[in-house]
Amino acid sequence: MLIFSGKLAIAADRPNIVVFLTDDQGYGDLGCFGSESLETPNIDQLCKQGMKFTDFYVHQRCSPTRLALMTGSHAHRAGCTKVIYNKDRIGINADEVTTPELLKSAGYTTGIVGKWHLGEWDTFNPTRHGFDFFYGFMIDLDQGTGIYRNLNRVESIKRKTDGEHSPKLLDAAIGFIKENNERPFFLYYASPLPHTPWIPNERFQGTSQRGTYGDVIREIDWQVGELMRTLEEQGLTEKTLFIFASDNGPVLGINGGDAGPFRDGKWTDFEGGIRVPCIMHWPGTITPGANCGQITGIIDLLPTFCAIAGVDPPVDRVIDGRNILPYLKGADVRTPIHESFIVPGSVIRHGRWKLLVRELNPGGKSGREGKRPSARAGSLFDLEADPGETRDVSADHPEIVADLQRRMELAVEELEANSRPIGRLPDDHASETRRKERKMETQQM
């Protein structure tokens, strides 16, 4: 049941919203974020004409970040900090009030193209959680990976990341934009790239100086360019907030992504795993070439979209995100909207300082990462002077360590008192699930 504190808004004069989320793209994997070897002209132009967010935080892996986008809450609060695999009988809870549900209540048409990853069962299909349209990937235990249109499987495939699917995803997204060009829409374009394995579309193979990974980055840039071109052709550029970001840091140990100046990558709460590139483009509202160095994150999109659409966020639950529209408008914000960013029980950033509450080990599980150091619990880093988290200065600032530990304890206590469960399949699915799992195990023997 949706509970709102105010009247529902009519969104005829509200801007469209497009969120383009990549998969495992590092902070340093864009020209406008410092890369000298990756060509991203369309994204760089988006940045030149929009606002660059240098301190934008997500979770360190796929499903939790997507859950945070849908709920406006830390994934810990919404019940899931793991990757949701196809064999899991879990997914986004039906009781969550999602970003598309809120925008629908304000008169928006909602669509998702690409990677959902918040439950692979029919119960968790995006169209059951606020999306009017879905064209993207789901994994069935019997049939394997497939492309679905709404609730229907339209094609069986081998790899989500195969570049042969990029034109299909683009066609679906472009079609959605054109069909809704006279009414406000929310489009969530969840690219499966540049997740491994890298299989670039044939038009991009061998076109980059950074090998296959660079080819895939060029493919992503092409997708962004095509969507922006469509908005321009439809006369929607100035009526659209376009957001580009990544779901977590880069995979390590292979000749691929780059976390820029930050330490480590995916699977870790070092900055390289949880701080990602983010760009927001909205002509007439965002000043071209603007920069935002304040703490922001994926959790902030839901309340910000609510402010834009004129609908209240839910009031019957705790939402961790905040409305960052003042930053987009270039307002004089005297007190930061977020003074802290917290990964509950792991790390806390407060201003320039970052404290590790638990030991952090290098990211990845494959053994390809080499011998990289861990960092002990209690380590304190000055991110302004040392963005690479190389020098533990806790001995020099015991008062800051104590303050951040106290803040973490209070945050965890509050979260535990106000957390919500992840969704689970009804009991009548359990026997069928076990049957499918046994069949898969037999096939793999």
Protein backbone atom coordinates (compact mmCIF):
# COMPACT_ATOMS: atom_id res chain seq x y z
CA MET A 1 0.00 0.00 0.00
CA LEU A 2 1.34 3.45 -0.92
CA ILE A 3 1.13 6.10 1.77
CA PHE A 4 1.83 9.72 0.86
CA SER A 5 1.69 12.85 2.99
CA GLY A 6 0.39 15.16 0.27
CA LYS A 7 -1.78 15.31 -2.81
CA LEU A 8 -0.76 13.49 -5.96
CA ALA A 9 0.67 15.72 -8.62
CA ILE A 10 -0.25 16.01 -12.27
CA ALA A 11 3.03 15.90 -14.18
CA ALA A 12 2.14 17.53 -17.49
CA ASP A 13 4.75 20.24 -16.98
CA ARG A 14 7.32 18.07 -15.24
CA PRO A 15 10.62 17.09 -16.89
CA ASN A 16 11.34 13.64 -18.20
CA ILE A 17 13.92 11.67 -16.24
CA VAL A 18 16.47 9.29 -17.76
CA VAL A 19 18.89 7.29 -15.59
CA PHE A 20 21.69 5.58 -17.53
CA LEU A 21 23.43 3.15 -15.17
CA THR A 22 26.47 1.18 -16.28
CA ASP A 23 27.76 -2.05 -14.70
CA ASP A 24 31.25 -2.15 -13.11
CA GLN A 25 32.56 1.06 -14.68
CA GLY A 26 35.35 2.69 -12.72
CA TYR A 27 35.70 6.33 -11.65
CA GLY A 28 38.59 6.81 -14.07
CA ASP A 29 36.89 5.22 -17.09
CA LEU A 30 35.71 8.45 -18.72
CA GLY A 31 37.61 11.21 -20.43
CA CYS A 32 35.84 13.83 -18.31
CA PHE A 33 36.92 11.97 -15.16
CA GLY A 34 40.56 11.90 -16.11
CA SER A 35 41.10 9.05 -18.55
CA GLU A 36 43.72 9.74 -21.22
CA SER A 37 43.26 6.43 -23.02
CA LEU A 38 39.48 5.97 -23.27
CA GLU A 39 37.44 7.86 -25.84
CA THR A 40 34.05 8.95 -24.51
CA PRO A 41 33.10 12.03 -26.57
CA ASN A 42 29.34 11.82 -26.03
CA ILE A 43 29.62 11.41 -22.27
CA ASP A 44 32.29 14.11 -22.12
CA GLN A 45 29.91 16.45 -23.95
CA LEU A 46 27.17 15.54 -21.49
CA CYS A 47 29.54 16.51 -18.69
CA LYS A 48 30.58 19.74 -20.40
CA GLN A 49 26.96 20.79 -20.70
CA GLY A 50 25.92 19.47 -17.29
CA MET A 51 27.14 18.93 -13.73
CA LYS A 52 29.95 16.61 -12.68
CA PHE A 53 29.52 14.92 -9.30
CA THR A 54 32.92 14.02 -7.87
CA ASP A 55 31.74 12.49 -4.57
CA PHE A 56 28.84 10.26 -5.65
CA TYR A 57 28.44 7.03 -3.68
CA VAL A 58 26.86 3.66 -4.40
CA HIS A 59 27.15 0.19 -2.91
CA GLN A 60 30.13 -1.99 -3.79
CA ARG A 61 28.16 -4.49 -5.86
CA CYS A 62 25.32 -4.73 -8.33
CA SER A 63 22.01 -5.69 -6.71
CA PRO A 64 22.40 -3.52 -3.57
CA THR A 65 23.01 -0.38 -5.64
CA ARG A 66 19.95 -1.11 -7.80
CA LEU A 67 17.90 -1.74 -4.67
CA ALA A 68 19.03 1.63 -3.30
CA LEU A 69 18.00 3.33 -6.55
CA MET A 70 14.54 1.78 -6.36
CA THR A 71 13.94 2.50 -2.66
CA GLY A 72 15.94 5.61 -1.76
CA SER A 73 17.40 3.60 1.12
CA HIS A 74 20.67 1.89 1.87
CA ALA A 75 20.41 -1.71 0.71
CA HIS A 76 21.10 -2.72 4.32
CA ARG A 77 17.84 -1.04 5.33
CA ALA A 78 15.93 -2.65 2.45
CA GLY A 79 17.11 -6.12 3.42
CA CYS A 80 19.81 -7.17 0.95
CA THR A 81 23.55 -6.50 0.68
CA LYS A 82 24.38 -9.48 -1.57
CA VAL A 83 24.18 -10.03 -5.29
CA ILE A 84 20.82 -11.63 -6.09
CA TYR A 85 21.53 -14.63 -8.30
CA ASN A 86 19.05 -16.58 -10.38
CA LYS A 87 18.98 -19.48 -7.92
CA ASP A 88 18.02 -17.20 -5.03
CA ARG A 89 14.37 -17.12 -4.00
CA ILE A 90 14.58 -13.46 -3.06
CA GLY A 91 14.05 -10.09 -4.68
CA ILE A 92 12.70 -6.61 -4.07
CA ASN A 93 9.87 -6.70 -1.55
CA ALA A 94 6.36 -5.97 -2.83
CA ASP A 95 5.90 -3.65 0.14
CA GLU A 96 8.69 -1.33 -1.01
CA VAL A 97 7.54 2.00 -2.43
CA THR A 98 9.69 2.27 -5.52
CA THR A 99 10.95 5.16 -7.59
CA PRO A 100 8.75 4.25 -10.59
CA GLU A 101 5.69 3.79 -8.37
CA LEU A 102 6.13 7.28 -6.96
CA LEU A 103 6.63 8.81 -10.40
CA LYS A 104 3.59 6.95 -11.75
CA SER A 105 1.55 8.54 -8.97
CA ALA A 106 2.69 11.90 -10.35
CA GLY A 107 1.53 11.06 -13.87
CA TYR A 108 4.74 9.66 -15.35
CA THR A 109 5.00 6.70 -17.70
CA THR A 110 7.80 4.42 -16.52
CA GLY A 111 10.13 2.08 -18.39
CA ILE A 112 13.23 0.01 -17.77
CA VAL A 113 15.60 -1.33 -20.42
CA GLY A 114 18.45 -3.71 -19.67
CA LYS A 115 19.54 -5.27 -16.40
CA TRP A 116 17.08 -5.55 -13.47
CA HIS A 117 18.92 -7.91 -11.07
CA LEU A 118 16.45 -7.50 -8.20
CA GLY A 119 14.92 -10.96 -8.41
CA GLU A 120 14.77 -13.33 -11.37
CA TRP A 121 11.30 -14.74 -10.69
CA ASP A 122 7.97 -13.57 -12.07
CA THR A 123 7.06 -12.21 -8.63
CA PHE A 124 9.92 -9.73 -8.87
CA ASN A 125 9.46 -8.71 -12.51
CA PRO A 126 9.90 -4.94 -12.90
CA THR A 127 6.33 -4.54 -14.19
CA ARG A 128 5.15 -5.73 -10.77
CA HIS A 129 7.14 -2.98 -9.05
CA GLY A 130 6.09 0.19 -10.81
CA PHE A 131 7.33 -0.08 -14.38
CA ASP A 132 4.84 0.15 -17.23
CA PHE A 133 7.37 -1.25 -19.69
CA PHE A 134 10.27 -3.67 -19.39
CA TYR A 135 12.64 -4.86 -22.09
CA GLY A 136 15.65 -6.60 -20.65
CA PHE A 137 17.28 -9.56 -19.00
CA MET A 138 15.96 -12.20 -16.63
CA ILE A 139 17.33 -15.65 -15.84
CA ASP A 140 15.08 -18.71 -15.66
CA LEU A 141 16.43 -21.80 -13.92
CA ASP A 142 15.10 -24.04 -16.69
CA GLN A 143 15.71 -21.87 -19.76
CA GLY A 144 18.72 -19.83 -18.69
CA THR A 145 19.25 -16.18 -19.58
CA GLY A 146 16.66 -14.53 -21.77
CA ILE A 147 15.38 -11.19 -22.99
CA TYR A 148 11.90 -10.36 -21.73
CA ARG A 149 9.33 -7.87 -22.89
CA ASN A 150 7.25 -7.15 -19.83
CA LEU A 151 6.32 -10.61 -18.50
CA ASN A 152 7.03 -12.52 -21.70
CA ARG A 153 10.28 -14.19 -22.74
CA VAL A 154 11.03 -13.15 -26.32
CA GLU A 155 14.53 -14.53 -26.84
CA SER A 156 16.95 -16.96 -25.21
CA ILE A 157 20.54 -15.72 -25.12
CA LYS A 158 23.94 -16.78 -23.81
CA ARG A 159 25.42 -13.56 -22.44
CA LYS A 160 23.87 -10.30 -21.25
CA THR A 161 27.11 -8.54 -22.13
CA ASP A 162 27.23 -9.64 -25.77
CA GLY A 163 27.33 -6.48 -27.87
CA GLU A 164 24.85 -7.94 -30.32
CA HIS A 165 22.15 -7.00 -27.80
CA SER A 166 23.06 -3.30 -27.61
CA PRO A 167 21.06 -2.32 -30.74
CA LYS A 168 18.04 -4.20 -29.35
CA LEU A 169 18.23 -2.36 -26.05
CA LEU A 170 18.66 0.96 -27.80
CA ASP A 171 15.72 0.31 -30.11
CA ALA A 172 13.53 -0.48 -27.11
CA ALA A 173 14.64 2.67 -25.28
CA ILE A 174 14.27 4.90 -28.33
CA GLY A 175 10.84 3.43 -29.01
CA PHE A 176 9.80 4.16 -25.43
CA ILE A 177 10.95 7.78 -25.73
CA LYS A 178 9.13 8.32 -29.01
CA GLU A 179 5.92 6.70 -27.78
CA ASN A 180 5.87 8.97 -24.75
CA ASN A 181 7.18 12.20 -26.23
CA GLU A 182 4.02 14.13 -25.36
CA ARG A 183 3.83 13.07 -21.72
CA PRO A 184 6.40 12.90 -18.92
CA PHE A 185 8.35 9.66 -18.65
CA PHE A 186 10.94 7.97 -16.48
CA LEU A 187 13.40 5.75 -18.36
CA TYR A 188 15.87 3.59 -16.45
CA TYR A 189 18.47 2.40 -18.97
CA ALA A 190 20.41 -0.27 -17.09
CA SER A 191 23.27 -1.19 -19.39
CA PRO A 192 24.89 -4.61 -18.79
CA LEU A 193 28.22 -3.11 -19.88
CA PRO A 194 31.14 -3.08 -19.10
CA HIS A 195 30.62 -6.17 -16.91
CA THR A 196 32.67 -9.19 -17.94
CA PRO A 197 32.90 -11.02 -20.27
CA TRP A 198 33.63 -8.19 -22.67
CA ILE A 199 32.06 -8.95 -26.05
CA PRO A 200 31.85 -5.63 -27.92
CA ASN A 201 29.44 -5.12 -30.77
CA GLU A 202 31.18 -5.77 -34.06
CA ARG A 203 31.12 -2.09 -35.04
CA PHE A 204 33.39 -1.32 -32.05
CA GLN A 205 35.74 -4.29 -32.10
CA GLY A 206 39.36 -3.14 -32.36
CA THR A 207 38.50 0.57 -32.25
CA SER A 208 40.09 1.47 -28.91
CA GLN A 209 43.67 1.87 -27.71
CA ARG A 210 42.60 0.14 -24.47
CA GLY A 211 41.82 -3.22 -26.06
CA THR A 212 38.53 -5.05 -25.69
CA TYR A 213 37.59 -3.14 -22.53
CA GLY A 214 38.07 0.15 -24.34
CA ASP A 215 35.92 -1.12 -27.21
CA VAL A 216 33.08 -1.77 -24.76
CA ILE A 217 33.46 1.71 -23.24
CA ARG A 218 33.13 3.18 -26.72
CA GLU A 219 29.96 1.10 -27.13
CA ILE A 220 28.54 2.60 -23.93
CA ASP A 221 29.41 6.08 -25.17
CA TRP A 222 27.58 5.34 -28.43
CA GLN A 223 24.47 4.29 -26.51
CA VAL A 224 24.49 7.54 -24.54
CA GLY A 225 24.96 9.51 -27.75
CA GLU A 226 22.05 7.77 -29.47
CA LEU A 227 19.71 8.44 -26.56
CA MET A 228 20.72 12.09 -26.43
CA ARG A 229 20.26 12.37 -30.18
CA THR A 230 16.77 10.92 -29.89
CA LEU A 231 15.84 13.40 -27.17
CA GLU A 232 17.09 16.22 -29.38
CA GLU A 233 15.14 14.97 -32.41
CA GLN A 234 11.99 14.75 -30.31
CA GLY A 235 12.48 18.25 -28.92
CA LEU A 236 12.92 16.88 -25.40
CA THR A 237 16.51 17.78 -24.49
CA GLU A 238 15.62 20.82 -22.38
CA LYS A 239 12.69 18.96 -20.83
CA THR A 240 14.79 16.02 -19.65
CA LEU A 241 17.04 15.39 -16.66
CA PHE A 242 19.62 12.87 -17.92
CA ILE A 243 21.77 11.11 -15.29
CA PHE A 244 24.81 8.94 -16.02
CA ALA A 245 26.43 6.82 -13.31
CA SER A 246 27.92 3.38 -12.56
CA ASP A 247 26.61 0.77 -10.12
CA ASN A 248 30.00 0.16 -8.44
CA GLY A 249 33.72 0.34 -9.04
CA PRO A 250 35.71 -1.67 -11.59
CA VAL A 251 36.58 -5.36 -11.57
CA LEU A 252 40.24 -5.74 -10.65
CA GLY A 253 43.06 -8.02 -11.69
CA ILE A 254 42.39 -7.94 -15.42
CA ASN A 255 43.28 -5.40 -18.08
CA GLY A 256 40.07 -3.49 -17.69
CA GLY A 257 38.55 -0.78 -15.53
CA ASP A 258 40.28 2.02 -13.65
CA ALA A 259 39.25 3.52 -10.30
CA GLY A 260 41.22 6.69 -11.05
CA PRO A 261 42.85 8.16 -7.93
CA PHE A 262 41.02 5.81 -5.58
CA ARG A 263 41.99 2.58 -3.89
CA ASP A 264 40.79 -0.83 -5.02
CA GLY A 265 37.46 -1.53 -6.75
CA LYS A 266 34.36 -3.70 -6.84
CA TRP A 267 33.56 -5.91 -3.81
CA THR A 268 35.20 -3.50 -1.36
CA ASP A 269 34.28 -0.38 0.58
CA PHE A 270 37.48 1.40 -0.32
CA GLU A 271 36.72 4.52 -2.38
CA GLY A 272 37.43 2.66 -5.61
CA GLY A 273 34.54 0.32 -4.91
CA ILE A 274 31.88 2.77 -3.78
CA ARG A 275 32.69 6.15 -5.39
CA VAL A 276 31.71 6.26 -9.04
CA PRO A 277 31.47 8.78 -11.87
CA CYS A 278 28.19 10.66 -12.04
CA ILE A 279 26.97 13.33 -14.44
CA MET A 280 23.64 15.15 -14.47
CA HIS A 281 22.43 17.09 -17.51
CA TRP A 282 19.36 19.34 -17.48
CA PRO A 283 19.54 22.43 -19.72
CA GLY A 284 18.01 25.54 -18.21
CA THR A 285 18.34 24.18 -14.67
CA ILE A 286 21.91 22.90 -14.39
CA THR A 287 24.65 25.38 -15.26
CA PRO A 288 26.93 23.97 -18.00
CA GLY A 289 30.33 22.88 -16.72
CA ALA A 290 29.26 22.88 -13.08
CA ASN A 291 30.88 20.69 -10.44
CA CYS A 292 29.44 19.28 -7.24
CA GLY A 293 32.01 18.14 -4.68
CA GLN A 294 29.48 17.46 -1.93
CA ILE A 295 28.62 13.98 -0.65
CA THR A 296 25.78 12.59 -2.75
CA GLY A 297 24.68 9.12 -3.75
CA ILE A 298 22.33 6.75 -5.51
CA ILE A 299 20.03 6.88 -2.46
CA ASP A 300 19.34 10.55 -3.24
CA LEU A 301 17.70 9.96 -6.61
CA LEU A 302 14.30 8.85 -5.29
CA PRO A 303 13.68 11.90 -3.06
CA THR A 304 15.13 14.22 -5.71
CA PHE A 305 12.82 12.81 -8.37
CA CYS A 306 9.89 13.21 -5.97
CA ALA A 307 10.77 16.89 -5.54
CA ILE A 308 10.98 17.32 -9.31
CA ALA A 309 7.69 15.53 -9.94
CA GLY A 310 5.84 17.23 -7.11
CA VAL A 311 5.01 14.13 -5.11
CA ASP A 312 5.97 13.36 -1.52
CA PRO A 313 8.25 10.44 -0.64
CA PRO A 314 6.61 7.79 1.54
CA VAL A 315 6.20 8.84 5.15
CA ASP A 316 5.64 5.42 6.70
CA ARG A 317 9.30 4.36 6.53
CA VAL A 318 12.82 5.72 6.83
CA ILE A 319 14.35 6.95 3.58
CA ASP A 320 18.13 7.49 3.70
CA GLY A 321 18.34 9.64 0.59
CA ARG A 322 17.86 13.41 0.51
CA ASN A 323 16.60 15.84 -2.08
CA ILE A 324 19.69 17.21 -3.84
CA LEU A 325 17.74 19.45 -6.22
CA PRO A 326 19.34 22.54 -4.59
CA TYR A 327 22.73 21.33 -5.84
CA LEU A 328 21.35 20.87 -9.36
CA LYS A 329 19.95 24.39 -9.32
CA GLY A 330 23.21 25.87 -8.07
CA ALA A 331 21.62 27.16 -4.87
CA ASP A 332 23.73 28.55 -2.07
CA VAL A 333 23.62 25.55 0.27
CA ARG A 334 25.32 26.68 3.47
CA THR A 335 25.09 23.33 5.28
CA PRO A 336 25.84 20.15 3.27
CA ILE A 337 22.73 18.08 2.54
CA HIS A 338 24.75 15.04 3.66
CA GLU A 339 27.48 15.53 6.21
CA SER A 340 28.23 11.80 6.17
CA PHE A 341 28.06 8.75 3.97
CA ILE A 342 27.83 5.44 5.80
CA VAL A 343 28.14 1.81 4.76
CA PRO A 344 26.57 0.38 7.91
CA GLY A 345 29.03 -1.56 10.03
CA SER A 346 31.85 -1.03 7.54
CA VAL A 347 32.95 2.54 6.80
CA ILE A 348 31.87 6.08 7.52
CA ARG A 349 32.89 9.20 5.66
CA HIS A 350 32.26 12.47 7.47
CA GLY A 351 33.49 15.51 5.63
CA ARG A 352 37.11 14.91 4.67
CA TRP A 353 37.55 11.96 7.07
CA LYS A 354 36.89 8.27 6.49
CA LEU A 355 37.00 5.63 9.22
CA LEU A 356 37.10 1.88 8.66
CA VAL A 357 35.00 0.22 11.35
CA ARG A 358 36.01 -3.24 10.15
CA GLU A 359 39.06 -4.57 8.34
CA LEU A 360 38.84 -4.13 4.58
CA ASN A 361 40.43 -6.72 2.32
CA PRO A 362 41.25 -6.20 -1.36
CA GLY A 363 38.33 -6.61 -3.75
CA GLY A 364 37.61 -9.62 -5.89
CA LYS A 365 37.44 -13.34 -5.31
CA SER A 366 39.28 -14.81 -8.28
CA GLY A 367 42.86 -14.62 -7.05
CA ARG A 368 43.82 -12.57 -10.11
CA GLU A 369 44.12 -9.39 -8.08
CA GLY A 370 47.64 -10.03 -6.86
CA LYS A 371 49.06 -9.13 -3.46
CA ARG A 372 47.40 -5.90 -2.45
CA PRO A 373 47.26 -4.79 1.17
CA SER A 374 44.27 -4.91 3.44
CA ALA A 375 43.50 -2.13 5.93
CA ARG A 376 42.89 -2.76 9.59
CA ALA A 377 39.74 -1.84 11.50
CA GLY A 378 40.17 1.57 13.06
CA SER A 379 42.11 3.02 10.13
CA LEU A 380 41.43 6.70 9.51
CA PHE A 381 42.08 8.41 6.20
CA ASP A 382 42.07 12.07 5.22
CA LEU A 383 40.41 11.89 1.79
CA GLU A 384 41.29 15.45 0.86
CA ALA A 385 45.01 14.90 1.34
CA ASP A 386 45.02 11.16 0.58
CA PRO A 387 42.18 10.08 -1.75
CA GLY A 388 43.99 6.78 -2.36
CA GLU A 389 43.62 5.77 1.32
CA THR A 390 47.31 4.99 1.68
CA ARG A 391 48.15 6.61 5.05
CA ASP A 392 46.40 5.66 8.28
CA VAL A 393 46.34 8.81 10.44
CA SER A 394 44.24 7.44 13.31
CA ALA A 395 47.10 7.81 15.80
CA ASP A 396 47.24 11.53 15.04
CA HIS A 397 43.50 12.15 15.44
CA PRO A 398 42.06 9.94 18.20
CA GLU A 399 39.24 12.43 18.83
CA ILE A 400 38.04 12.10 15.23
CA VAL A 401 38.21 8.30 15.43
CA ALA A 402 36.08 8.36 18.59
CA ASP A 403 33.56 10.76 17.03
CA LEU A 404 33.15 8.68 13.88
CA GLN A 405 32.84 5.47 15.85
CA ARG A 406 30.05 7.06 17.87
CA ARG A 407 28.29 8.22 14.72
CA MET A 408 28.50 4.73 13.24
CA GLU A 409 27.13 3.12 16.38
CA LEU A 410 24.15 5.48 16.38
CA ALA A 411 23.54 4.90 12.68
CA VAL A 412 23.61 1.11 13.01
CA GLU A 413 21.34 1.23 16.05
CA GLU A 414 18.82 3.36 14.14
CA LEU A 415 19.01 1.18 11.04
CA GLU A 416 18.41 -2.01 12.99
CA ALA A 417 15.32 -0.42 14.52
CA ASN A 418 13.95 0.71 11.16
CA SER A 419 15.01 -1.91 8.61
CA ARG A 420 12.74 -3.72 6.16
CA PRO A 421 12.90 -7.31 4.83
CA ILE A 422 13.84 -8.37 1.33
CA GLY A 423 11.09 -10.02 -0.68
CA ARG A 424 10.82 -13.80 -0.78
CA LEU A 425 8.95 -16.19 -3.02
CA PRO A 426 5.64 -17.43 -1.64
CA ASP A 427 5.76 -20.92 -0.12
CA ASP A 428 4.02 -22.47 -3.13
CA HIS A 429 7.10 -21.67 -5.20
CA ALA A 430 9.49 -23.56 -2.93
CA SER A 431 8.96 -27.07 -4.28
CA GLU A 432 9.14 -25.88 -7.88
CA THR A 433 12.34 -24.00 -7.09
CA ARG A 434 13.97 -27.09 -5.63
CA ARG A 435 12.91 -29.11 -8.66
CA LYS A 436 14.55 -26.64 -11.02
CA GLU A 437 17.72 -26.49 -8.93
CA ARG A 438 17.99 -30.28 -8.91
CA LYS A 439 17.54 -30.31 -12.69
CA MET A 440 20.32 -27.78 -13.14
CA GLU A 441 22.64 -29.72 -10.83
CA THR A 442 21.96 -32.91 -12.83
CA GLN A 443 22.71 -31.14 -16.12
CA GLN A 444 26.00 -29.84 -14.73
CA MET A 445 27.23 -33.27 -13.56
